[in-house]
Amino acid sequence: MKFQWISGKRIDEELGKFCIELEYQLRPRITRFLIAHPDFEGLPDFSGFYFEIDMKLQQVIMNHVQPEILSSKLKRDFDRDVNLGFARSLFTRRPYTPRIH
């Protein structure tokens, strides 16, 4: 599982710390989602998954090295369970939310 950060600006030390904290909060949530989802029964691991965290749009985008693994239903479930319900709250509940312009 890999994360790529899209910020539209250089990630300074303060924003870097925020990204690390955000990743530590997202990893368990995403892992639970993948383990619980029936589409992933039989996958040996989750190393083929990568996630783009768009700091401007405040969303998490799920991708896989084999795109055929990601059905439209799976993407909808991910948006509902992880992206909309959790990622946005991470961006807004912290005392420091970096401004991305």
N, C-alpha and C. Protein backbone atom coordinates (compact mmCIF):
# COMPACT_ATOMS: atom_id res chain seq x y z
N MET A 1 0.86 -1.17 0.00
CA MET A 1 0.00 0.00 0.00
C MET A 1 0.91 1.23 0.00
N LYS A 2 0.68 2.09 -0.97
CA LYS A 2 1.49 3.29 -1.08
C LYS A 2 0.59 4.52 -1.12
N PHE A 3 1.13 5.65 -0.66
CA PHE A 3 0.40 6.91 -0.67
C PHE A 3 1.17 7.93 -1.48
N GLN A 4 0.44 8.69 -2.28
CA GLN A 4 1.04 9.80 -3.03
C GLN A 4 0.26 11.05 -2.65
N TRP A 5 1.00 12.11 -2.35
CA TRP A 5 0.39 13.35 -1.90
C TRP A 5 0.35 14.36 -3.04
N ILE A 6 -0.81 14.93 -3.26
CA ILE A 6 -0.99 15.95 -4.28
C ILE A 6 -1.36 17.22 -3.54
N SER A 7 -0.48 18.21 -3.58
CA SER A 7 -0.75 19.41 -2.79
C SER A 7 -0.78 20.68 -3.62
N GLY A 8 -0.20 20.67 -4.79
CA GLY A 8 -0.18 21.89 -5.60
C GLY A 8 0.89 22.87 -5.15
N LYS A 9 1.61 22.51 -4.11
CA LYS A 9 2.72 23.34 -3.64
C LYS A 9 3.76 22.44 -3.01
N ARG A 10 4.91 23.01 -2.75
CA ARG A 10 5.98 22.25 -2.11
C ARG A 10 5.55 21.87 -0.70
N ILE A 11 5.80 20.64 -0.31
CA ILE A 11 5.42 20.18 1.01
C ILE A 11 6.54 20.55 1.98
N ASP A 12 6.26 21.56 2.80
CA ASP A 12 7.25 22.00 3.79
C ASP A 12 7.18 21.09 5.03
N GLU A 13 7.97 21.40 6.04
CA GLU A 13 8.06 20.55 7.22
C GLU A 13 6.71 20.43 7.94
N GLU A 14 6.01 21.53 8.10
CA GLU A 14 4.74 21.52 8.81
C GLU A 14 3.69 20.70 8.05
N LEU A 15 3.61 20.91 6.75
CA LEU A 15 2.66 20.16 5.93
C LEU A 15 3.08 18.70 5.87
N GLY A 16 4.38 18.42 5.85
CA GLY A 16 4.87 17.04 5.85
C GLY A 16 4.44 16.30 7.10
N LYS A 17 4.52 16.95 8.25
CA LYS A 17 4.08 16.32 9.51
C LYS A 17 2.58 16.03 9.47
N PHE A 18 1.82 16.98 8.93
CA PHE A 18 0.38 16.78 8.80
C PHE A 18 0.09 15.57 7.91
N CYS A 19 0.81 15.45 6.80
CA CYS A 19 0.62 14.33 5.87
C CYS A 19 0.93 13.00 6.55
N ILE A 20 1.98 12.96 7.34
CA ILE A 20 2.34 11.73 8.04
C ILE A 20 1.25 11.34 9.03
N GLU A 21 0.76 12.31 9.79
CA GLU A 21 -0.32 12.03 10.74
C GLU A 21 -1.57 11.55 10.02
N LEU A 22 -1.88 12.18 8.92
CA LEU A 22 -3.06 11.81 8.14
C LEU A 22 -2.91 10.38 7.60
N GLU A 23 -1.72 10.05 7.12
CA GLU A 23 -1.50 8.70 6.61
C GLU A 23 -1.66 7.66 7.72
N TYR A 24 -1.13 7.95 8.91
CA TYR A 24 -1.27 7.01 10.03
C TYR A 24 -2.73 6.81 10.40
N GLN A 25 -3.57 7.79 10.19
CA GLN A 25 -4.99 7.64 10.48
C GLN A 25 -5.73 6.95 9.34
N LEU A 26 -5.28 7.16 8.12
CA LEU A 26 -5.95 6.55 6.97
C LEU A 26 -5.62 5.07 6.80
N ARG A 27 -4.38 4.68 7.06
CA ARG A 27 -3.95 3.29 6.82
C ARG A 27 -4.85 2.26 7.51
N PRO A 28 -5.12 2.37 8.81
CA PRO A 28 -5.97 1.35 9.44
C PRO A 28 -7.39 1.34 8.87
N ARG A 29 -7.91 2.51 8.59
CA ARG A 29 -9.27 2.61 8.04
C ARG A 29 -9.34 1.94 6.67
N ILE A 30 -8.36 2.23 5.82
CA ILE A 30 -8.33 1.64 4.48
C ILE A 30 -8.10 0.13 4.56
N THR A 31 -7.21 -0.30 5.43
CA THR A 31 -6.93 -1.73 5.59
C THR A 31 -8.19 -2.47 6.02
N ARG A 32 -8.91 -1.93 7.00
CA ARG A 32 -10.17 -2.57 7.43
C ARG A 32 -11.16 -2.65 6.28
N PHE A 33 -11.25 -1.58 5.49
CA PHE A 33 -12.15 -1.58 4.33
C PHE A 33 -11.77 -2.69 3.36
N LEU A 34 -10.49 -2.80 3.03
CA LEU A 34 -10.04 -3.81 2.07
C LEU A 34 -10.26 -5.22 2.60
N ILE A 35 -9.96 -5.45 3.87
CA ILE A 35 -10.14 -6.78 4.45
C ILE A 35 -11.61 -7.18 4.45
N ALA A 36 -12.49 -6.24 4.76
CA ALA A 36 -13.92 -6.53 4.87
C ALA A 36 -14.62 -6.64 3.52
N HIS A 37 -14.03 -6.11 2.47
CA HIS A 37 -14.72 -6.08 1.18
C HIS A 37 -14.61 -7.43 0.48
N PRO A 38 -15.75 -8.01 0.07
CA PRO A 38 -15.73 -9.34 -0.54
C PRO A 38 -14.94 -9.42 -1.85
N ASP A 39 -14.76 -8.32 -2.54
CA ASP A 39 -14.02 -8.34 -3.81
C ASP A 39 -12.56 -8.73 -3.62
N PHE A 40 -12.05 -8.63 -2.39
CA PHE A 40 -10.63 -8.85 -2.16
C PHE A 40 -10.30 -10.20 -1.54
N GLU A 41 -11.30 -11.06 -1.42
CA GLU A 41 -11.01 -12.41 -0.93
C GLU A 41 -10.07 -13.08 -1.93
N GLY A 42 -9.01 -13.64 -1.43
CA GLY A 42 -8.07 -14.33 -2.31
C GLY A 42 -6.88 -13.49 -2.74
N LEU A 43 -6.92 -12.18 -2.50
CA LEU A 43 -5.74 -11.37 -2.80
C LEU A 43 -4.67 -11.67 -1.75
N PRO A 44 -3.44 -11.91 -2.18
CA PRO A 44 -2.41 -12.28 -1.21
C PRO A 44 -2.03 -11.13 -0.26
N ASP A 45 -2.08 -9.92 -0.74
CA ASP A 45 -1.76 -8.76 0.09
C ASP A 45 -2.28 -7.51 -0.59
N PHE A 46 -2.02 -6.39 0.01
CA PHE A 46 -2.52 -5.12 -0.53
C PHE A 46 -1.42 -4.26 -1.12
N SER A 47 -0.30 -4.88 -1.46
CA SER A 47 0.84 -4.11 -1.96
C SER A 47 0.58 -3.47 -3.33
N GLY A 48 -0.40 -3.94 -4.07
CA GLY A 48 -0.70 -3.37 -5.38
C GLY A 48 -1.55 -2.11 -5.32
N PHE A 49 -2.03 -1.78 -4.14
CA PHE A 49 -2.88 -0.60 -3.99
C PHE A 49 -2.04 0.65 -3.77
N TYR A 50 -2.47 1.73 -4.39
CA TYR A 50 -1.86 3.02 -4.08
C TYR A 50 -2.98 4.05 -4.01
N PHE A 51 -2.76 5.03 -3.19
CA PHE A 51 -3.78 6.02 -2.89
C PHE A 51 -3.22 7.41 -3.12
N GLU A 52 -3.96 8.20 -3.83
CA GLU A 52 -3.59 9.59 -4.04
C GLU A 52 -4.42 10.43 -3.09
N ILE A 53 -3.74 11.22 -2.28
CA ILE A 53 -4.43 12.11 -1.36
C ILE A 53 -4.32 13.50 -1.93
N ASP A 54 -5.43 14.02 -2.41
CA ASP A 54 -5.46 15.35 -3.00
C ASP A 54 -5.79 16.34 -1.91
N MET A 55 -4.80 17.11 -1.52
CA MET A 55 -4.97 18.06 -0.42
C MET A 55 -5.88 19.21 -0.80
N LYS A 56 -5.89 19.60 -2.07
CA LYS A 56 -6.75 20.71 -2.50
C LYS A 56 -8.23 20.29 -2.50
N LEU A 57 -8.49 19.11 -3.07
CA LEU A 57 -9.86 18.63 -3.17
C LEU A 57 -10.31 17.90 -1.91
N GLN A 58 -9.37 17.64 -1.00
CA GLN A 58 -9.64 16.93 0.25
C GLN A 58 -10.33 15.59 -0.01
N GLN A 59 -9.67 14.78 -0.85
CA GLN A 59 -10.21 13.47 -1.12
C GLN A 59 -9.09 12.45 -1.31
N VAL A 60 -9.47 11.20 -1.13
CA VAL A 60 -8.55 10.09 -1.28
C VAL A 60 -9.02 9.29 -2.50
N ILE A 61 -8.11 9.02 -3.41
CA ILE A 61 -8.44 8.29 -4.63
C ILE A 61 -7.73 6.95 -4.59
N MET A 62 -8.49 5.88 -4.73
CA MET A 62 -7.93 4.53 -4.68
C MET A 62 -7.58 4.07 -6.09
N ASN A 63 -6.38 3.49 -6.24
CA ASN A 63 -5.94 2.93 -7.50
C ASN A 63 -5.27 1.58 -7.23
N HIS A 64 -5.07 0.84 -8.29
CA HIS A 64 -4.39 -0.45 -8.18
C HIS A 64 -3.54 -0.65 -9.43
N VAL A 65 -2.45 -1.36 -9.27
CA VAL A 65 -1.57 -1.60 -10.42
C VAL A 65 -2.28 -2.42 -11.49
N GLN A 66 -3.32 -3.15 -11.12
CA GLN A 66 -4.16 -3.86 -12.07
C GLN A 66 -5.54 -3.21 -12.02
N PRO A 67 -5.81 -2.24 -12.88
CA PRO A 67 -7.06 -1.48 -12.79
C PRO A 67 -8.33 -2.33 -12.84
N GLU A 68 -8.26 -3.50 -13.47
CA GLU A 68 -9.46 -4.34 -13.57
C GLU A 68 -9.94 -4.84 -12.21
N ILE A 69 -9.11 -4.78 -11.20
CA ILE A 69 -9.50 -5.20 -9.85
C ILE A 69 -10.52 -4.22 -9.25
N LEU A 70 -10.48 -2.98 -9.68
CA LEU A 70 -11.31 -1.94 -9.08
C LEU A 70 -12.60 -1.75 -9.87
N SER A 71 -13.66 -2.36 -9.40
CA SER A 71 -14.96 -2.20 -10.03
C SER A 71 -15.57 -0.86 -9.66
N SER A 72 -16.57 -0.43 -10.42
CA SER A 72 -17.23 0.84 -10.10
C SER A 72 -17.95 0.75 -8.76
N LYS A 73 -18.49 -0.43 -8.42
CA LYS A 73 -19.14 -0.60 -7.11
C LYS A 73 -18.12 -0.45 -5.99
N LEU A 74 -16.95 -1.03 -6.19
CA LEU A 74 -15.89 -0.94 -5.19
C LEU A 74 -15.48 0.51 -4.97
N LYS A 75 -15.34 1.27 -6.04
CA LYS A 75 -14.96 2.68 -5.92
C LYS A 75 -16.05 3.47 -5.19
N ARG A 76 -17.32 3.16 -5.49
CA ARG A 76 -18.43 3.82 -4.78
C ARG A 76 -18.40 3.47 -3.30
N ASP A 77 -18.17 2.20 -2.98
CA ASP A 77 -18.09 1.78 -1.58
C ASP A 77 -16.93 2.47 -0.88
N PHE A 78 -15.81 2.59 -1.56
CA PHE A 78 -14.64 3.25 -0.97
C PHE A 78 -14.95 4.72 -0.70
N ASP A 79 -15.56 5.39 -1.67
CA ASP A 79 -15.92 6.79 -1.48
C ASP A 79 -16.88 6.95 -0.30
N ARG A 80 -17.83 6.07 -0.20
CA ARG A 80 -18.81 6.15 0.88
C ARG A 80 -18.18 5.84 2.24
N ASP A 81 -17.42 4.77 2.32
CA ASP A 81 -16.92 4.28 3.61
C ASP A 81 -15.65 4.97 4.08
N VAL A 82 -14.78 5.33 3.16
CA VAL A 82 -13.49 5.90 3.55
C VAL A 82 -13.42 7.37 3.20
N ASN A 83 -13.64 7.67 1.96
CA ASN A 83 -13.39 9.03 1.48
C ASN A 83 -14.35 10.05 2.08
N LEU A 84 -15.61 9.88 1.89
CA LEU A 84 -16.57 10.88 2.36
C LEU A 84 -16.72 10.88 3.87
N GLY A 85 -16.80 9.70 4.45
CA GLY A 85 -17.06 9.62 5.88
C GLY A 85 -15.88 9.91 6.77
N PHE A 86 -14.67 9.72 6.26
CA PHE A 86 -13.52 9.80 7.15
C PHE A 86 -12.50 10.84 6.71
N ALA A 87 -12.10 10.81 5.47
CA ALA A 87 -11.02 11.69 5.02
C ALA A 87 -11.36 13.16 5.21
N ARG A 88 -12.56 13.56 4.86
CA ARG A 88 -12.91 14.98 5.03
C ARG A 88 -12.87 15.40 6.49
N SER A 89 -13.30 14.52 7.39
CA SER A 89 -13.26 14.89 8.81
C SER A 89 -11.82 15.04 9.29
N LEU A 90 -10.91 14.28 8.71
CA LEU A 90 -9.50 14.43 9.09
C LEU A 90 -8.97 15.80 8.71
N PHE A 91 -9.40 16.29 7.57
CA PHE A 91 -8.91 17.58 7.12
C PHE A 91 -9.48 18.73 7.95
N THR A 92 -10.64 18.54 8.56
CA THR A 92 -11.28 19.66 9.24
C THR A 92 -11.22 19.59 10.76
N ARG A 93 -10.98 18.45 11.36
CA ARG A 93 -11.05 18.37 12.81
C ARG A 93 -9.75 18.73 13.52
N ARG A 94 -8.66 18.80 12.81
CA ARG A 94 -7.38 19.11 13.43
C ARG A 94 -7.26 20.61 13.67
N PRO A 95 -6.56 21.00 14.72
CA PRO A 95 -6.37 22.43 14.97
C PRO A 95 -5.62 23.10 13.83
N TYR A 96 -4.68 22.38 13.20
CA TYR A 96 -3.95 22.95 12.07
C TYR A 96 -4.38 22.23 10.81
N THR A 97 -5.02 22.92 9.92
CA THR A 97 -5.33 22.39 8.62
C THR A 97 -4.62 23.26 7.60
N PRO A 98 -3.66 22.71 6.90
CA PRO A 98 -2.88 23.55 5.98
C PRO A 98 -3.76 24.11 4.87
N ARG A 99 -3.49 25.32 4.52
CA ARG A 99 -4.20 25.95 3.41
C ARG A 99 -3.47 25.63 2.13
N ILE A 100 -4.16 25.00 1.21
CA ILE A 100 -3.60 24.66 -0.09
C ILE A 100 -4.28 25.54 -1.13
N HIS A 101 -3.50 26.31 -1.83
CA HIS A 101 -4.05 27.24 -2.84
C HIS A 101 -3.66 26.81 -4.22
